[in-house]
Amino acid sequence: MLRRTWIISLSALAGLIFGAIAGAYVGLVLGGTYLGGLSILGRIGIEGYELAAYAGALLGAAVMVPVAVAAALSFLREADPDRGRRNGESL
C-alpha cells in the first residue's frame, strides 16, 4: 500500500513539474508570437508574453497532474491485475 501511495504521489509531483515547465514554454512561445505587440504593460504591469507564460504554466500543471496520476494508476493496474479480486473472481 505504501509503495502504491509513493508511486501516485511521485507521479503527481512529476506531472506538476513537467506540466508547469511545458505549459510555460508553450505560453511563452504563443504569447511572444501573438501578444508581443500588445501594450498592456501600462495597464497591468507585466508584458503580454509574461502573462501568457504564467497562464500556460498554471494550465499545464492543472492538465498534467491528473494525466500523470491516471498513467500511474494504469501502470499499477497492469503490474498487479489481480488486485481487488477475491478468490479468482473475474471482472
Protein backbone atom coordinates (compact mmCIF):
# COMPACT_ATOMS: atom_id res chain seq x y z
CA MET A 1 0.00 0.00 0.00
CA LEU A 2 2.83 2.36 0.83
CA ARG A 3 4.52 1.63 -2.50
CA ARG A 4 1.29 2.47 -4.33
CA THR A 5 0.94 5.76 -2.45
CA TRP A 6 4.53 6.73 -3.22
CA ILE A 7 4.17 5.95 -6.91
CA ILE A 8 0.98 8.02 -7.18
CA SER A 9 2.49 10.91 -5.19
CA LEU A 10 5.69 10.98 -7.22
CA SER A 11 3.79 10.82 -10.49
CA ALA A 12 1.62 13.74 -9.38
CA LEU A 13 4.74 15.73 -8.50
CA ALA A 14 6.38 14.85 -11.82
CA GLY A 15 3.19 15.87 -13.65
CA LEU A 16 3.13 19.16 -11.80
CA ILE A 17 6.74 19.97 -12.64
CA PHE A 18 6.59 18.79 -16.25
CA GLY A 19 3.22 20.46 -16.85
CA ALA A 20 4.37 23.77 -15.43
CA ILE A 21 7.57 23.82 -17.48
CA ALA A 22 5.94 22.66 -20.73
CA GLY A 23 2.94 24.97 -20.24
CA ALA A 24 5.17 27.96 -19.53
CA TYR A 25 7.24 27.23 -22.62
CA VAL A 26 4.19 26.92 -24.86
CA GLY A 27 2.68 30.03 -23.27
CA LEU A 28 5.91 31.94 -23.80
CA VAL A 29 6.15 30.92 -27.45
CA LEU A 30 2.49 31.65 -28.20
CA GLY A 31 2.48 34.75 -26.04
CA GLY A 32 5.62 36.12 -27.65
CA THR A 33 4.14 35.45 -31.06
CA TYR A 34 0.63 36.78 -30.59
CA LEU A 35 0.76 39.04 -27.54
CA GLY A 36 4.19 40.63 -28.02
CA GLY A 37 2.79 43.62 -29.85
CA LEU A 38 0.12 44.47 -27.29
CA SER A 39 0.96 47.25 -24.90
CA ILE A 40 -0.64 46.01 -21.70
CA LEU A 41 2.38 46.88 -19.60
CA GLY A 42 0.82 50.18 -18.52
CA ARG A 43 -2.49 48.59 -17.55
CA ILE A 44 -1.49 45.54 -15.52
CA GLY A 45 2.25 45.97 -15.06
CA ILE A 46 3.52 42.94 -16.99
CA GLU A 47 4.13 42.19 -20.64
CA GLY A 48 1.75 40.05 -22.67
CA TYR A 49 4.22 37.23 -23.14
CA GLU A 50 4.84 37.06 -19.37
CA LEU A 51 1.12 36.82 -18.73
CA ALA A 52 0.85 34.04 -21.32
CA ALA A 53 3.76 32.16 -19.71
CA TYR A 54 2.16 32.34 -16.25
CA ALA A 55 -1.23 31.25 -17.57
CA GLY A 56 0.40 28.46 -19.58
CA ALA A 57 2.26 27.20 -16.51
CA LEU A 58 -0.94 27.08 -14.46
CA LEU A 59 -2.93 25.37 -17.20
CA GLY A 60 -0.13 22.93 -17.98
CA ALA A 61 0.17 21.91 -14.35
CA ALA A 62 -3.60 21.59 -13.97
CA VAL A 63 -3.79 19.32 -17.02
CA MET A 64 -0.71 17.18 -16.42
CA VAL A 65 -1.31 16.25 -12.77
CA PRO A 66 -4.48 14.21 -13.48
CA VAL A 67 -2.87 12.74 -16.61
CA ALA A 68 0.20 11.63 -14.65
CA VAL A 69 -1.90 10.14 -11.83
CA ALA A 70 -4.06 8.27 -14.35
CA ALA A 71 -0.92 6.91 -16.01
CA ALA A 72 0.43 5.78 -12.63
CA LEU A 73 -2.84 4.06 -11.77
CA SER A 74 -2.82 2.35 -15.16
CA PHE A 75 0.75 1.21 -14.56
CA LEU A 76 -0.16 -0.14 -11.11
CA ARG A 77 -3.20 -1.92 -12.52
CA GLU A 78 -1.04 -3.62 -15.18
CA ALA A 79 1.63 -4.55 -12.65
CA ASP A 80 -0.87 -6.35 -10.40
CA PRO A 81 -4.02 -7.26 -12.38
CA ASP A 82 -5.45 -9.46 -9.60
CA ARG A 83 -5.54 -6.67 -7.05
CA GLY A 84 -9.01 -6.19 -5.63
CA ARG A 85 -10.35 -9.58 -6.76
CA ARG A 86 -11.42 -12.24 -4.32
CA ASN A 87 -10.87 -15.95 -4.82
CA GLY A 88 -10.21 -15.77 -8.54
CA GLU A 89 -13.33 -13.77 -9.46
CA SER A 90 -13.30 -12.18 -12.86
CA LEU A 91 -14.41 -8.64 -13.51
